[in-house]
């Protein structure tokens, strides 16, 4: 792109998102949102969250733990997909309580439809 093309692009309105005690916005400090590609169990999730949180604390970076409870887009239909909604949310609650960090997860198409009337995973 040329400089002129960049100038012609629409300006994204500034927005701020709060995730627990962490505020994330385009002008704020870098925030680390990280975790495993799928929750494999409580021990693994807690171990990952503790180690990443400690590294983020040492670096002075705000941290949010993110891990899906269901990973449908695996390379094989036989691959482990995660613990499912109920157990996954229970594990995320433990991470939040025991490690003391905010948590995020992803919603699949069925969950989007359940919490957002008329919603779809297509946008």
Foldseek 3Di string as FASTA:
>chain_A
DDPVVVVPDDDDDWDWDDQDPDIDTPPDDDAAEDDDAADPALVRRLVRLQVVVVVCVVVVHHYEYEHAQAQCPDPDNPDDGHDDDPRVVVSQVCNCVVNVHGYYYDDAQVVCCVVPPVDGPVD
